[in-house]
Amino acid sequence: MNCPTCLSPLTARLYEGKIRLGQPGTRSAADHVIESCKSCGIAGLDIDPTDYTSDTYRTTVDGNHGVSEFPQIHDWEQASLLGAIGTKGLAGKGVADAGCGGGRFLDLVAGFTGGPTIAIEPTASFHAELKRKGHQTFHSTADAAAEWRNAIDLTVSFDVIEHVDDPVAFVGDLKVLTKPGGRIVVGTPNLDQLLLKLLPMDFGSFFFRQVHRWYFTPRALQLSLERAGLKDIRVRSIQRYDFSNLACWLRDRRPTGNAAIELPKY
C-alpha cells in the first residue's frame, strides 16, 4: 500500500493485532497490521474498511443507523466542534457539512447563520429527516457541487477523511464547493496520541478500527491539505476527553469517558 499524500510505500509497522470493528467493545476476528509512511507519517489499514456509504457502516459504528438514535449518540460532540470553528462572522453565510450523518452540527449552526445549510450524506435513510429540518440534502459532494460550486462560505467535514479511498481527492471536492476566500474545516482522529505511546497494544486495539482506512498525524493532515491545493492552513488538536479518562486508561486499560472519577479541586 502506498501513502495517498506523498505516494511512498507504507513500511513502518505501528501495530499488529486485534482492532476495534466500530463501537467500543467490538473486536476483529483476525489480527490486522497498521503501517505508516516514513516520509509524511500517515498510517493505513491492511484491508479495505467497512463501506462508510452503507447502512452496515452506521450499524457497526453506532449500533443503529436510525435517525432517532443519532442525537443521543452524537450530540455530546457538537459543542467542541462549534467551539473549534467559532460563531463570529457566520450570520447569513452558507454552510455545508460533508458526511453530516443525522445533521446535528447543521441543526446547531443554522441558528447562528440563518443562511443555507447543505447536508451531504451518503446514508440515504437520513435524508428525509435532513430535508424536513430544512437542510438542502445531497448524496455526495459531486451532487452538491452541481448546484453549489464555489458558493459555500464554510465547508466542514468531521470524521470522514479517514474513511475515504483518496483523502487528497476528497479535500479537493470540498474545495470545489467552497467560494474563494471561504473556509474549509476538516476534523479527524489524531494518530499522535499519548496513550498510543504509553499503552501501544491496549490502546492500539481500541484506537485502530476496521471502519478507518487512514490515520493522520497533524503533519500528515497538513501535507494532505496542501496537496489538495488549500492555502493558509492551520492544524490544531482538540482534546475531547479529560484527564480522568487518561488516568483510568493507565489504571484499567479500557475506555471510561469523561468525568469517570472525581478530580480534586484546588
Protein backbone atom coordinates (compact mmCIF):
# COMPACT_ATOMS: atom_id res chain seq x y z
CA MET A 1 0.00 0.00 0.00
CA ASN A 2 1.23 3.50 -0.84
CA CYS A 3 0.73 6.75 1.01
CA PRO A 4 -2.12 8.79 -0.57
CA THR A 5 -0.28 12.04 0.15
CA CYS A 6 3.34 11.52 -0.94
CA LEU A 7 2.85 8.15 -2.73
CA SER A 8 5.68 6.49 -0.75
CA PRO A 9 5.20 2.89 0.43
CA LEU A 10 3.85 2.37 3.94
CA THR A 11 6.70 0.46 5.53
CA ALA A 12 6.91 1.46 9.23
CA ARG A 13 4.86 -1.01 11.30
CA LEU A 14 2.93 0.74 14.10
CA TYR A 15 0.65 -2.03 15.32
CA GLU A 16 -0.25 -5.66 14.74
CA GLY A 17 -3.14 -7.37 16.48
CA LYS A 18 -6.90 -7.24 17.03
CA ILE A 19 -8.60 -3.92 16.33
CA ARG A 20 -11.98 -2.41 17.02
CA LEU A 21 -14.74 -3.02 14.45
CA GLY A 22 -16.65 0.17 15.21
CA GLN A 23 -18.39 0.51 18.56
CA PRO A 24 -16.31 0.35 21.76
CA GLY A 25 -16.08 -3.23 22.97
CA THR A 26 -16.11 -4.80 19.49
CA ARG A 27 -13.07 -6.68 18.20
CA SER A 28 -11.98 -8.02 14.85
CA ALA A 29 -11.81 -11.80 14.45
CA ALA A 30 -8.38 -11.62 12.78
CA ASP A 31 -5.23 -9.67 13.52
CA HIS A 32 -4.56 -6.58 11.42
CA VAL A 33 -1.49 -4.55 10.59
CA ILE A 34 -1.22 -0.75 10.70
CA GLU A 35 1.77 0.65 8.82
CA SER A 36 2.83 4.26 8.32
CA CYS A 37 4.69 6.35 5.77
CA LYS A 38 8.21 7.25 6.92
CA SER A 39 8.04 10.44 4.88
CA CYS A 40 4.79 12.12 5.97
CA GLY A 41 3.54 9.98 8.86
CA ILE A 42 0.14 8.90 7.56
CA ALA A 43 -0.79 5.32 8.54
CA GLY A 44 -3.04 2.84 6.76
CA LEU A 45 -5.11 -0.26 7.46
CA ASP A 46 -4.11 -3.50 5.73
CA ILE A 47 -7.61 -4.28 4.38
CA ASP A 48 -10.46 -2.43 2.73
CA PRO A 49 -12.54 -0.99 5.60
CA THR A 50 -16.30 -1.18 6.01
CA ASP A 51 -18.01 0.83 3.27
CA TYR A 52 -18.93 4.07 5.03
CA THR A 53 -21.69 4.77 2.48
CA SER A 54 -23.70 1.73 3.61
CA ASP A 55 -26.22 1.19 6.41
CA THR A 56 -23.88 -1.57 7.60
CA TYR A 57 -21.33 1.12 8.47
CA ARG A 58 -23.80 3.04 10.65
CA THR A 59 -24.81 -0.15 12.45
CA THR A 60 -21.14 -1.02 13.00
CA VAL A 61 -20.14 2.34 14.48
CA ASP A 62 -23.35 3.34 16.29
CA GLY A 63 -25.20 0.08 16.86
CA ASN A 64 -28.09 1.52 14.85
CA HIS A 65 -28.39 3.55 11.66
CA GLY A 66 -31.72 5.16 12.52
CA VAL A 67 -32.36 8.89 12.64
CA SER A 68 -33.96 8.82 16.10
CA GLU A 69 -30.86 7.34 17.77
CA PHE A 70 -28.36 9.71 16.15
CA PRO A 71 -28.76 12.66 18.56
CA GLN A 72 -28.23 10.67 21.75
CA ILE A 73 -25.06 9.14 20.29
CA HIS A 74 -23.50 12.26 18.77
CA ASP A 75 -24.89 15.38 20.49
CA TRP A 76 -22.09 15.45 23.07
CA GLU A 77 -19.55 16.12 20.29
CA GLN A 78 -21.22 19.18 18.82
CA ALA A 79 -20.16 21.82 21.36
CA SER A 80 -16.45 21.12 20.80
CA LEU A 81 -16.94 21.21 17.02
CA LEU A 82 -18.71 24.55 17.12
CA GLY A 83 -16.13 25.84 19.59
CA ALA A 84 -13.34 24.96 17.17
CA ILE A 85 -15.00 26.92 14.38
CA GLY A 86 -16.48 29.80 16.35
CA THR A 87 -19.66 31.70 15.58
CA LYS A 88 -18.16 35.05 14.60
CA GLY A 89 -18.99 36.01 11.04
CA LEU A 90 -21.46 33.17 10.44
CA ALA A 91 -24.54 35.37 10.07
CA GLY A 92 -26.07 34.97 6.64
CA LYS A 93 -23.40 32.52 5.46
CA GLY A 94 -23.87 29.24 3.62
CA VAL A 95 -22.57 26.16 5.47
CA ALA A 96 -22.03 22.68 4.04
CA ASP A 97 -21.30 19.54 6.09
CA ALA A 98 -19.84 16.64 4.09
CA GLY A 99 -20.67 13.41 5.87
CA CYS A 100 -23.17 15.08 8.18
CA GLY A 101 -24.92 11.93 9.41
CA GLY A 102 -28.15 12.97 11.11
CA GLY A 103 -27.24 16.62 10.68
CA ARG A 104 -26.81 17.65 14.30
CA PHE A 105 -23.96 20.09 13.56
CA LEU A 106 -26.03 21.73 10.84
CA ASP A 107 -29.00 21.93 13.23
CA LEU A 108 -26.79 23.78 15.70
CA VAL A 109 -25.05 26.12 13.27
CA ALA A 110 -28.30 27.00 11.47
CA GLY A 111 -29.31 29.05 14.49
CA PHE A 112 -26.22 31.24 14.06
CA THR A 113 -26.10 31.62 10.30
CA GLY A 114 -29.65 31.90 9.03
CA GLY A 115 -28.19 31.11 5.60
CA PRO A 116 -28.48 27.93 3.54
CA THR A 117 -27.30 24.70 5.16
CA ILE A 118 -26.10 21.96 2.83
CA ALA A 119 -26.29 18.38 4.11
CA ILE A 120 -24.07 15.91 2.25
CA GLU A 121 -24.70 12.38 3.49
CA PRO A 122 -24.36 9.04 1.66
CA THR A 123 -26.64 7.16 4.10
CA ALA A 124 -29.99 7.53 2.37
CA SER A 125 -32.06 6.69 5.46
CA PHE A 126 -31.12 10.09 6.96
CA HIS A 127 -32.28 12.15 4.00
CA ALA A 128 -35.98 12.55 4.78
CA GLU A 129 -35.25 13.96 8.24
CA LEU A 130 -32.47 16.21 6.95
CA LYS A 131 -34.85 17.68 4.38
CA ARG A 132 -37.63 18.03 6.96
CA LYS A 133 -35.33 20.20 9.07
CA GLY A 134 -34.67 22.49 6.13
CA HIS A 135 -31.23 21.33 5.03
CA GLN A 136 -30.62 21.07 1.29
CA THR A 137 -29.62 17.43 1.03
CA PHE A 138 -27.28 15.59 -1.34
CA HIS A 139 -25.76 12.11 -1.54
CA SER A 140 -22.24 13.30 -2.42
CA THR A 141 -20.06 16.38 -2.79
CA ALA A 142 -20.27 15.92 -6.56
CA ASP A 143 -24.08 16.13 -6.38
CA ALA A 144 -23.87 19.22 -4.17
CA ALA A 145 -21.30 20.88 -6.46
CA ALA A 146 -23.72 20.72 -9.38
CA GLU A 147 -25.77 23.35 -7.55
CA TRP A 148 -23.32 24.95 -5.12
CA ARG A 149 -19.98 25.02 -6.92
CA ASN A 150 -17.70 27.74 -5.48
CA ALA A 151 -20.68 29.07 -3.49
CA ILE A 152 -20.25 27.89 0.12
CA ASP A 153 -18.77 30.20 2.78
CA LEU A 154 -17.91 27.43 5.27
CA THR A 155 -17.47 23.77 4.33
CA VAL A 156 -16.88 21.29 7.15
CA SER A 157 -16.26 17.56 7.32
CA PHE A 158 -15.80 15.78 10.64
CA ASP A 159 -14.52 12.21 10.97
CA VAL A 160 -14.87 11.38 7.26
CA ILE A 161 -11.45 11.84 5.64
CA GLU A 162 -10.11 8.76 7.46
CA HIS A 163 -12.71 6.60 5.65
CA VAL A 164 -12.24 7.60 2.02
CA ASP A 165 -10.03 5.89 -0.56
CA ASP A 166 -8.28 9.10 -1.61
CA PRO A 167 -8.08 11.79 1.12
CA VAL A 168 -6.44 14.33 -1.19
CA ALA A 169 -9.20 13.99 -3.79
CA PHE A 170 -11.82 14.22 -1.04
CA VAL A 171 -10.44 17.56 0.17
CA GLY A 172 -10.30 18.67 -3.45
CA ASP A 173 -14.04 18.02 -3.67
CA LEU A 174 -14.61 20.19 -0.60
CA LYS A 175 -12.56 22.92 -2.26
CA VAL A 176 -14.79 22.81 -5.33
CA LEU A 177 -17.81 23.60 -3.14
CA THR A 178 -16.17 26.48 -1.30
CA LYS A 179 -16.12 30.03 -2.62
CA PRO A 180 -12.78 31.86 -2.98
CA GLY A 181 -11.86 33.23 0.43
CA GLY A 182 -14.18 30.77 2.19
CA ARG A 183 -13.19 28.34 4.95
CA ILE A 184 -12.79 24.57 4.94
CA VAL A 185 -12.60 22.72 8.26
CA VAL A 186 -11.59 19.03 8.28
CA GLY A 187 -11.63 17.01 11.50
CA THR A 188 -10.13 13.54 12.03
CA PRO A 189 -8.76 11.44 14.93
CA ASN A 190 -5.16 12.30 15.82
CA LEU A 191 -2.64 9.48 15.39
CA ASP A 192 -0.16 11.37 17.57
CA GLN A 193 -1.76 10.07 20.76
CA LEU A 194 -0.01 9.97 24.13
CA LEU A 195 -1.84 6.76 25.05
CA LEU A 196 -0.54 5.06 21.90
CA LYS A 197 2.96 5.75 23.18
CA LEU A 198 2.21 4.66 26.77
CA LEU A 199 -0.06 1.66 26.01
CA PRO A 200 0.64 0.72 22.38
CA MET A 201 -1.15 -2.63 22.44
CA ASP A 202 -4.02 -1.95 24.86
CA PHE A 203 -4.89 1.48 23.47
CA GLY A 204 -3.95 0.46 19.91
CA SER A 205 -6.61 -2.28 19.90
CA PHE A 206 -9.15 0.40 20.82
CA PHE A 207 -7.90 3.31 18.69
CA PHE A 208 -7.38 1.42 15.42
CA ARG A 209 -10.61 0.23 13.88
CA GLN A 210 -11.89 -1.66 10.89
CA VAL A 211 -14.00 1.25 9.61
CA HIS A 212 -10.97 3.56 9.17
CA ARG A 213 -8.65 3.30 6.20
CA TRP A 214 -6.24 6.13 7.19
CA TYR A 215 -4.78 7.64 10.36
CA PHE A 216 -3.33 11.15 10.35
CA THR A 217 -0.73 12.91 12.43
CA PRO A 218 -1.04 16.72 12.39
CA ARG A 219 1.84 16.85 9.89
CA ALA A 220 0.24 14.22 7.63
CA LEU A 221 -3.03 16.14 7.62
CA GLN A 222 -1.21 19.38 6.83
CA LEU A 223 0.55 17.78 3.86
CA SER A 224 -2.69 16.23 2.58
CA LEU A 225 -4.45 19.60 2.69
CA GLU A 226 -1.52 21.26 0.93
CA ARG A 227 -1.50 18.64 -1.82
CA ALA A 228 -5.23 19.23 -2.33
CA GLY A 229 -4.43 22.87 -3.08
CA LEU A 230 -5.55 24.56 0.15
CA LYS A 231 -3.76 27.70 1.31
CA ASP A 232 -3.34 29.42 4.69
CA ILE A 233 -3.65 26.09 6.54
CA ARG A 234 -3.74 25.89 10.33
CA VAL A 235 -3.79 22.49 12.07
CA ARG A 236 -4.77 22.29 15.73
CA SER A 237 -5.57 19.50 18.18
CA ILE A 238 -8.75 19.44 20.28
CA GLN A 239 -8.85 17.22 23.38
CA ARG A 240 -12.36 15.82 23.76
CA TYR A 241 -11.57 13.62 26.76
CA ASP A 242 -10.48 14.77 30.20
CA PHE A 243 -7.62 13.74 32.46
CA SER A 244 -9.75 11.18 34.29
CA ASN A 245 -10.10 9.19 31.06
CA LEU A 246 -6.31 9.15 30.69
CA ALA A 247 -5.85 8.10 34.32
CA CYS A 248 -8.40 5.31 34.03
CA TRP A 249 -6.80 4.03 30.83
CA LEU A 250 -3.49 3.77 32.67
CA ARG A 251 -5.17 2.04 35.62
CA ASP A 252 -7.79 -0.15 33.93
CA ARG A 253 -6.58 -0.50 30.30
CA ARG A 254 -10.04 0.39 28.98
CA PRO A 255 -12.05 3.49 27.97
CA THR A 256 -14.21 5.16 30.58
CA GLY A 257 -15.10 8.51 29.01
CA ASN A 258 -15.17 11.91 30.67
CA ALA A 259 -15.69 12.51 34.39
CA ALA A 260 -15.08 8.85 35.21
CA ILE A 261 -13.50 9.86 38.50
CA GLU A 262 -13.92 13.00 40.56
CA LEU A 263 -10.75 15.02 40.40
CA PRO A 264 -9.61 17.18 43.33
CA LYS A 265 -10.46 20.89 43.08
CA TYR A 266 -7.94 23.46 44.15
